[in-house]
Amino acid sequence: QVRLVESGGGLVQAGGSLRLSCVASGLAFRAYTMKWFLQAPGKEREFVALISTGGTPYYADSVKGRFTISRDNAKNTVYLQMNSLKADDTAVYYCAAGSERSNTYWGQGTQVTVSS
Protein backbone atom coordinates (compact mmCIF):
# COMPACT_ATOMS: atom_id res chain seq x y z
CA GLN A 1 0.00 0.00 0.00
CA VAL A 2 1.41 3.36 -1.04
CA ARG A 3 1.12 6.02 1.62
CA LEU A 4 2.24 9.63 1.71
CA VAL A 5 1.85 11.21 5.13
CA GLU A 6 2.38 14.93 5.61
CA SER A 7 3.16 16.57 8.92
CA GLY A 8 4.50 19.81 10.30
CA GLY A 9 1.59 22.13 9.63
CA GLY A 10 0.17 24.45 12.22
CA LEU A 11 -0.48 28.04 13.16
CA VAL A 12 2.32 30.56 12.69
CA GLN A 13 2.57 34.33 12.64
CA ALA A 14 3.36 36.19 9.44
CA GLY A 15 7.10 36.30 8.93
CA GLY A 16 7.59 33.00 10.69
CA SER A 17 8.71 29.61 9.46
CA LEU A 18 7.49 26.05 9.28
CA ARG A 19 8.98 22.86 7.93
CA LEU A 20 6.63 20.35 6.39
CA SER A 21 7.55 16.70 6.02
CA CYS A 22 6.09 14.00 3.81
CA VAL A 23 7.05 10.41 4.55
CA ALA A 24 6.44 7.92 1.76
CA SER A 25 6.05 4.18 2.03
CA GLY A 26 5.18 1.39 -0.37
CA LEU A 27 6.98 2.83 -3.39
CA ALA A 28 10.50 3.13 -4.76
CA PHE A 29 10.90 6.64 -3.40
CA ARG A 30 14.11 7.57 -5.21
CA ALA A 31 12.46 6.81 -8.59
CA TYR A 32 9.76 9.46 -8.12
CA THR A 33 9.61 13.17 -8.62
CA MET A 34 8.19 14.62 -5.42
CA LYS A 35 5.99 17.69 -5.31
CA TRP A 36 4.17 20.00 -2.94
CA PHE A 37 0.81 21.58 -3.73
CA LEU A 38 -1.48 23.87 -1.80
CA GLN A 39 -5.20 24.41 -1.76
CA ALA A 40 -6.67 27.51 -0.17
CA PRO A 41 -10.35 27.67 0.81
CA GLY A 42 -12.57 28.11 -2.24
CA LYS A 43 -9.67 27.87 -4.69
CA GLU A 44 -8.16 25.26 -6.96
CA ARG A 45 -5.17 23.22 -5.92
CA GLU A 46 -1.97 24.80 -7.17
CA PHE A 47 1.64 23.81 -7.59
CA VAL A 48 4.20 24.93 -5.03
CA ALA A 49 7.45 23.07 -5.67
CA LEU A 50 8.97 19.88 -7.00
CA ILE A 51 12.22 18.04 -6.67
CA SER A 52 13.37 15.66 -9.37
CA THR A 53 14.80 12.22 -8.89
CA GLY A 54 18.20 13.79 -9.40
CA GLY A 55 17.58 16.39 -6.70
CA THR A 56 16.89 19.39 -8.93
CA PRO A 57 14.27 21.72 -7.39
CA TYR A 58 11.70 23.89 -9.13
CA TYR A 59 9.39 26.46 -7.52
CA ALA A 60 6.28 28.42 -8.25
CA ASP A 61 7.03 32.11 -8.58
CA SER A 62 4.94 32.91 -5.53
CA VAL A 63 7.26 30.99 -3.20
CA LYS A 64 10.61 31.36 -4.95
CA GLY A 65 13.20 32.67 -2.53
CA ARG A 66 11.09 31.82 0.52
CA PHE A 67 10.49 28.07 0.33
CA THR A 68 13.01 25.27 -0.12
CA ILE A 69 12.17 21.73 -1.17
CA SER A 70 14.55 18.91 -0.33
CA ARG A 71 14.52 15.14 -0.17
CA ASP A 72 16.22 12.49 1.90
CA ASN A 73 16.06 9.26 -0.05
CA ALA A 74 17.43 7.25 2.87
CA LYS A 75 14.40 8.35 4.92
CA ASN A 76 11.85 8.27 2.07
CA THR A 77 11.01 11.83 3.01
CA VAL A 78 10.49 15.08 1.16
CA TYR A 79 10.55 18.38 3.04
CA LEU A 80 9.26 21.87 2.42
CA GLN A 81 11.02 24.55 4.44
CA MET A 82 8.77 27.61 4.48
CA ASN A 83 10.27 30.92 5.56
CA SER A 84 8.92 34.47 5.57
CA LEU A 85 5.39 33.13 5.65
CA LYS A 86 2.53 35.36 4.54
CA ALA A 87 -1.17 35.22 5.26
CA ASP A 88 -1.71 34.24 1.62
CA ASP A 89 0.26 31.05 2.27
CA THR A 90 -2.62 29.79 4.41
CA ALA A 91 -3.81 26.55 2.84
CA VAL A 92 -3.81 22.80 3.08
CA TYR A 93 -0.49 21.53 1.78
CA TYR A 94 -0.31 18.21 -0.04
CA CYS A 95 2.63 16.15 -1.19
CA ALA A 96 2.50 14.07 -4.35
CA ALA A 97 4.66 11.44 -6.01
CA GLY A 98 4.88 10.90 -9.75
CA SER A 99 6.80 12.13 -12.75
CA GLU A 100 7.62 15.76 -13.48
CA ARG A 101 4.27 16.13 -15.26
CA SER A 102 2.07 13.58 -13.52
CA ASN A 103 0.96 12.87 -9.96
CA THR A 104 0.26 9.25 -9.18
CA TYR A 105 -0.01 9.34 -5.40
CA TRP A 106 -1.21 11.98 -2.96
CA GLY A 107 -1.00 12.54 0.74
CA GLN A 108 -3.88 13.57 2.95
CA GLY A 109 -2.68 17.14 3.45
CA THR A 110 -1.61 19.22 6.41
CA GLN A 111 -3.09 22.58 7.38
CA VAL A 112 -0.90 25.67 7.44
CA THR A 113 -2.44 28.81 8.89
CA VAL A 114 -0.53 32.09 8.87
CA SER A 115 -1.90 34.89 11.02
CA SER A 116 -1.33 38.50 10.04
C-alpha atoms as a PDB file:
ATOM      1  CA  GLN A   1       0.000   0.000   0.000  1.00  0.00           C
ATOM      2  CA  VAL A   2       1.409   3.362  -1.038  1.00  0.00           C
ATOM      3  CA  ARG A   3       1.121   6.018   1.621  1.00  0.00           C
ATOM      4  CA  LEU A   4       2.245   9.630   1.710  1.00  0.00           C
ATOM      5  CA  VAL A   5       1.852  11.213   5.128  1.00  0.00           C
ATOM      6  CA  GLU A   6       2.378  14.933   5.607  1.00  0.00           C
ATOM      7  CA  SER A   7       3.158  16.567   8.918  1.00  0.00           C
ATOM      8  CA  GLY A   8       4.497  19.815  10.303  1.00  0.00           C
ATOM      9  CA  GLY A   9       1.594  22.133   9.630  1.00  0.00           C
ATOM     10  CA  GLY A  10       0.170  24.450  12.219  1.00  0.00           C
ATOM     11  CA  LEU A  11      -0.478  28.044  13.164  1.00  0.00           C
ATOM     12  CA  VAL A  12       2.316  30.557  12.693  1.00  0.00           C
ATOM     13  CA  GLN A  13       2.572  34.335  12.635  1.00  0.00           C
ATOM     14  CA  ALA A  14       3.361  36.190   9.436  1.00  0.00           C
ATOM     15  CA  GLY A  15       7.098  36.295   8.932  1.00  0.00           C
ATOM     16  CA  GLY A  16       7.594  32.998  10.694  1.00  0.00           C
ATOM     17  CA  SER A  17       8.712  29.611   9.460  1.00  0.00           C
ATOM     18  CA  LEU A  18       7.491  26.046   9.285  1.00  0.00           C
ATOM     19  CA  ARG A  19       8.984  22.858   7.934  1.00  0.00           C
ATOM     20  CA  LEU A  20       6.626  20.347   6.388  1.00  0.00           C
ATOM     21  CA  SER A  21       7.553  16.696   6.017  1.00  0.00           C
ATOM     22  CA  CYS A  22       6.091  13.996   3.812  1.00  0.00           C
ATOM     23  CA  VAL A  23       7.050  10.412   4.550  1.00  0.00           C
ATOM     24  CA  ALA A  24       6.439   7.920   1.760  1.00  0.00           C
ATOM     25  CA  SER A  25       6.052   4.177   2.026  1.00  0.00           C
ATOM     26  CA  GLY A  26       5.185   1.386  -0.374  1.00  0.00           C
ATOM     27  CA  LEU A  27       6.982   2.834  -3.391  1.00  0.00           C
ATOM     28  CA  ALA A  28      10.503   3.133  -4.758  1.00  0.00           C
ATOM     29  CA  PHE A  29      10.903   6.635  -3.404  1.00  0.00           C
ATOM     30  CA  ARG A  30      14.111   7.571  -5.208  1.00  0.00           C
ATOM     31  CA  ALA A  31      12.465   6.814  -8.592  1.00  0.00           C
ATOM     32  CA  TYR A  32       9.758   9.460  -8.125  1.00  0.00           C
ATOM     33  CA  THR A  33       9.613  13.167  -8.621  1.00  0.00           C
ATOM     34  CA  MET A  34       8.189  14.615  -5.425  1.00  0.00           C
ATOM     35  CA  LYS A  35       5.986  17.688  -5.307  1.00  0.00           C
ATOM     36  CA  TRP A  36       4.167  19.995  -2.940  1.00  0.00           C
ATOM     37  CA  PHE A  37       0.811  21.578  -3.733  1.00  0.00           C
ATOM     38  CA  LEU A  38      -1.483  23.867  -1.797  1.00  0.00           C
ATOM     39  CA  GLN A  39      -5.203  24.413  -1.761  1.00  0.00           C
ATOM     40  CA  ALA A  40      -6.675  27.506  -0.167  1.00  0.00           C
ATOM     41  CA  PRO A  41     -10.349  27.667   0.805  1.00  0.00           C
ATOM     42  CA  GLY A  42     -12.566  28.112  -2.238  1.00  0.00           C
ATOM     43  CA  LYS A  43      -9.669  27.875  -4.687  1.00  0.00           C
ATOM     44  CA  GLU A  44      -8.162  25.256  -6.958  1.00  0.00           C
ATOM     45  CA  ARG A  45      -5.167  23.224  -5.915  1.00  0.00           C
ATOM     46  CA  GLU A  46      -1.967  24.803  -7.166  1.00  0.00           C
ATOM     47  CA  PHE A  47       1.639  23.812  -7.591  1.00  0.00           C
ATOM     48  CA  VAL A  48       4.202  24.928  -5.032  1.00  0.00           C
ATOM     49  CA  ALA A  49       7.452  23.069  -5.669  1.00  0.00           C
ATOM     50  CA  LEU A  50       8.968  19.879  -7.001  1.00  0.00           C
ATOM     51  CA  ILE A  51      12.220  18.043  -6.671  1.00  0.00           C
ATOM     52  CA  SER A  52      13.373  15.663  -9.373  1.00  0.00           C
ATOM     53  CA  THR A  53      14.797  12.216  -8.895  1.00  0.00           C
ATOM     54  CA  GLY A  54      18.203  13.789  -9.401  1.00  0.00           C
ATOM     55  CA  GLY A  55      17.585  16.391  -6.702  1.00  0.00           C
ATOM     56  CA  THR A  56      16.885  19.394  -8.929  1.00  0.00           C
ATOM     57  CA  PRO A  57      14.273  21.723  -7.394  1.00  0.00           C
ATOM     58  CA  TYR A  58      11.701  23.891  -9.133  1.00  0.00           C
ATOM     59  CA  TYR A  59       9.388  26.455  -7.524  1.00  0.00           C
ATOM     60  CA  ALA A  60       6.280  28.417  -8.248  1.00  0.00           C
ATOM     61  CA  ASP A  61       7.027  32.115  -8.584  1.00  0.00           C
ATOM     62  CA  SER A  62       4.938  32.909  -5.527  1.00  0.00           C
ATOM     63  CA  VAL A  63       7.263  30.991  -3.200  1.00  0.00           C
ATOM     64  CA  LYS A  64      10.611  31.364  -4.945  1.00  0.00           C
ATOM     65  CA  GLY A  65      13.199  32.672  -2.530  1.00  0.00           C
ATOM     66  CA  ARG A  66      11.086  31.822   0.521  1.00  0.00           C
ATOM     67  CA  PHE A  67      10.491  28.070   0.328  1.00  0.00           C
ATOM     68  CA  THR A  68      13.008  25.267  -0.117  1.00  0.00           C
ATOM     69  CA  ILE A  69      12.171  21.728  -1.166  1.00  0.00           C
ATOM     70  CA  SER A  70      14.546  18.906  -0.331  1.00  0.00           C
ATOM     71  CA  ARG A  71      14.520  15.145  -0.167  1.00  0.00           C
ATOM     72  CA  ASP A  72      16.225  12.490   1.901  1.00  0.00           C
ATOM     73  CA  ASN A  73      16.058   9.256  -0.045  1.00  0.00           C
ATOM     74  CA  ALA A  74      17.425   7.251   2.871  1.00  0.00           C
ATOM     75  CA  LYS A  75      14.401   8.346   4.915  1.00  0.00           C
ATOM     76  CA  ASN A  76      11.851   8.266   2.074  1.00  0.00           C
ATOM     77  CA  THR A  77      11.008  11.831   3.009  1.00  0.00           C
ATOM     78  CA  VAL A  78      10.490  15.082   1.161  1.00  0.00           C
ATOM     79  CA  TYR A  79      10.552  18.384   3.040  1.00  0.00           C
ATOM     80  CA  LEU A  80       9.256  21.865   2.424  1.00  0.00           C
ATOM     81  CA  GLN A  81      11.019  24.545   4.439  1.00  0.00           C
ATOM     82  CA  MET A  82       8.772  27.608   4.482  1.00  0.00           C
ATOM     83  CA  ASN A  83      10.270  30.924   5.563  1.00  0.00           C
ATOM     84  CA  SER A  84       8.920  34.471   5.566  1.00  0.00           C
ATOM     85  CA  LEU A  85       5.392  33.134   5.647  1.00  0.00           C
ATOM     86  CA  LYS A  86       2.532  35.356   4.539  1.00  0.00           C
ATOM     87  CA  ALA A  87      -1.171  35.221   5.255  1.00  0.00           C
ATOM     88  CA  ASP A  88      -1.707  34.237   1.619  1.00  0.00           C
ATOM     89  CA  ASP A  89       0.265  31.048   2.269  1.00  0.00           C
ATOM     90  CA  THR A  90      -2.617  29.785   4.411  1.00  0.00           C
ATOM     91  CA  ALA A  91      -3.815  26.553   2.842  1.00  0.00           C
ATOM     92  CA  VAL A  92      -3.813  22.801   3.076  1.00  0.00           C
ATOM     93  CA  TYR A  93      -0.486  21.533   1.782  1.00  0.00           C
ATOM     94  CA  TYR A  94      -0.309  18.208  -0.039  1.00  0.00           C
ATOM     95  CA  CYS A  95       2.625  16.152  -1.189  1.00  0.00           C
ATOM     96  CA  ALA A  96       2.496  14.068  -4.346  1.00  0.00           C
ATOM     97  CA  ALA A  97       4.656  11.444  -6.014  1.00  0.00           C
ATOM     98  CA  GLY A  98       4.878  10.900  -9.749  1.00  0.00           C
ATOM     99  CA  SER A  99       6.804  12.135 -12.746  1.00  0.00           C
ATOM    100  CA  GLU A 100       7.617  15.757 -13.478  1.00  0.00           C
ATOM    101  CA  ARG A 101       4.274  16.129 -15.262  1.00  0.00           C
ATOM    102  CA  SER A 102       2.069  13.583 -13.518  1.00  0.00           C
ATOM    103  CA  ASN A 103       0.964  12.869  -9.963  1.00  0.00           C
ATOM    104  CA  THR A 104       0.258   9.247  -9.182  1.00  0.00           C
ATOM    105  CA  TYR A 105      -0.006   9.336  -5.399  1.00  0.00           C
ATOM    106  CA  TRP A 106      -1.208  11.978  -2.965  1.00  0.00           C
ATOM    107  CA  GLY A 107      -1.000  12.535   0.737  1.00  0.00           C
ATOM    108  CA  GLN A 108      -3.879  13.574   2.945  1.00  0.00           C
ATOM    109  CA  GLY A 109      -2.680  17.135   3.454  1.00  0.00           C
ATOM    110  CA  THR A 110      -1.609  19.220   6.413  1.00  0.00           C
ATOM    111  CA  GLN A 111      -3.095  22.580   7.375  1.00  0.00           C
ATOM    112  CA  VAL A 112      -0.898  25.671   7.437  1.00  0.00           C
ATOM    113  CA  THR A 113      -2.437  28.809   8.892  1.00  0.00           C
ATOM    114  CA  VAL A 114      -0.529  32.094   8.868  1.00  0.00           C
ATOM    115  CA  SER A 115      -1.900  34.886  11.018  1.00  0.00           C
ATOM    116  CA  SER A 116      -1.327  38.498  10.043  1.00  0.00           C
END
